[in-house]
């Protein structure tokens, strides 16, 4: 498994309306196989692991700053 890219971005916590930092990390695990690890802040209260193919990984890497965090939906 190899780290391909990582990013941090601010978001508003829905319950407290406080600004927090989220972190996404994209890992390559094999040919045409990636994992996107998403955490909802420094305390890691919520985490998600999403399996992506090459196309989806490339789209994730190409996102603009306004689109960061859209994979939480």
Protein backbone atom coordinates (compact mmCIF):
# COMPACT_ATOMS: atom_id res chain seq x y z
CA UNK A 1 0.00 0.00 0.00
CA UNK A 2 1.41 3.40 -1.02
CA UNK A 3 0.22 6.87 -0.07
CA UNK A 4 -0.62 8.78 -3.27
CA UNK A 5 -2.07 12.05 -1.95
CA UNK A 6 -3.42 13.64 1.19
CA UNK A 7 -5.32 16.84 1.88
CA UNK A 8 -6.69 18.78 4.83
CA UNK A 9 -9.61 21.14 4.54
CA UNK A 10 -11.93 23.05 6.87
CA UNK A 11 -15.58 22.12 7.37
CA UNK A 12 -18.39 23.11 9.73
CA UNK A 13 -19.45 20.50 12.27
CA UNK A 14 -23.22 20.19 11.90
CA UNK A 15 -23.99 19.81 15.60
CA UNK A 16 -21.81 22.60 16.99
CA UNK A 17 -21.31 24.79 13.89
CA UNK A 18 -17.64 24.97 14.86
CA UNK A 19 -14.98 24.97 12.16
CA UNK A 20 -12.88 21.81 12.15
CA UNK A 21 -10.23 20.22 9.93
CA UNK A 22 -10.94 17.05 7.95
CA UNK A 23 -8.28 14.88 6.36
CA UNK A 24 -8.49 12.64 3.29
CA UNK A 25 -5.73 10.23 2.25
CA UNK A 26 -5.62 8.30 -1.02
CA UNK A 27 -3.71 5.00 -1.04
CA UNK A 28 -2.85 2.77 -3.98
CA UNK A 29 -3.26 -0.87 -3.02
CA UNK A 30 -2.86 -2.57 -6.39
CA UNK A 31 -3.35 -2.28 -10.13
CA UNK A 32 -6.45 -0.08 -10.69
CA UNK A 33 -7.31 -0.27 -6.97
CA UNK A 34 -7.28 2.58 -4.45
CA UNK A 35 -8.60 3.28 -0.96
CA UNK A 36 -9.75 6.71 0.16
CA UNK A 37 -9.45 7.11 3.94
CA UNK A 38 -11.51 10.01 5.26
CA UNK A 39 -11.50 11.39 8.81
CA UNK A 40 -13.71 14.10 10.26
CA UNK A 41 -11.12 15.96 12.27
CA UNK A 42 -8.18 15.70 14.61
CA UNK A 43 -10.06 13.49 17.08
CA UNK A 44 -10.97 10.90 14.40
CA UNK A 45 -14.54 10.64 15.70
CA UNK A 46 -15.80 9.56 12.30
CA UNK A 47 -13.81 7.66 9.70
CA UNK A 48 -14.66 6.20 6.32
CA UNK A 49 -12.80 3.91 3.98
CA UNK A 50 -13.95 3.95 0.35
CA UNK A 51 -12.68 1.67 -2.41
CA UNK A 52 -12.00 3.51 -5.69
CA UNK A 53 -10.94 2.46 -9.18
CA UNK A 54 -8.39 4.44 -11.22
CA UNK A 55 -11.03 6.70 -12.79
CA UNK A 56 -12.59 7.62 -9.44
CA UNK A 57 -9.14 8.18 -7.89
CA UNK A 58 -8.19 10.53 -10.74
CA UNK A 59 -11.45 12.45 -10.28
CA UNK A 60 -10.74 12.74 -6.55
CA UNK A 61 -7.22 14.07 -7.20
CA UNK A 62 -8.60 16.59 -9.73
CA UNK A 63 -11.23 18.06 -7.38
CA UNK A 64 -11.16 21.79 -6.77
CA UNK A 65 -11.00 23.14 -3.22
CA UNK A 66 -14.75 23.84 -3.32
CA UNK A 67 -15.42 20.13 -3.92
CA UNK A 68 -13.25 18.79 -1.07
CA UNK A 69 -15.29 16.54 1.24
CA UNK A 70 -17.97 15.73 -1.33
CA UNK A 71 -17.31 11.99 -0.87
CA UNK A 72 -18.96 12.15 2.57
CA UNK A 73 -22.40 12.21 0.93
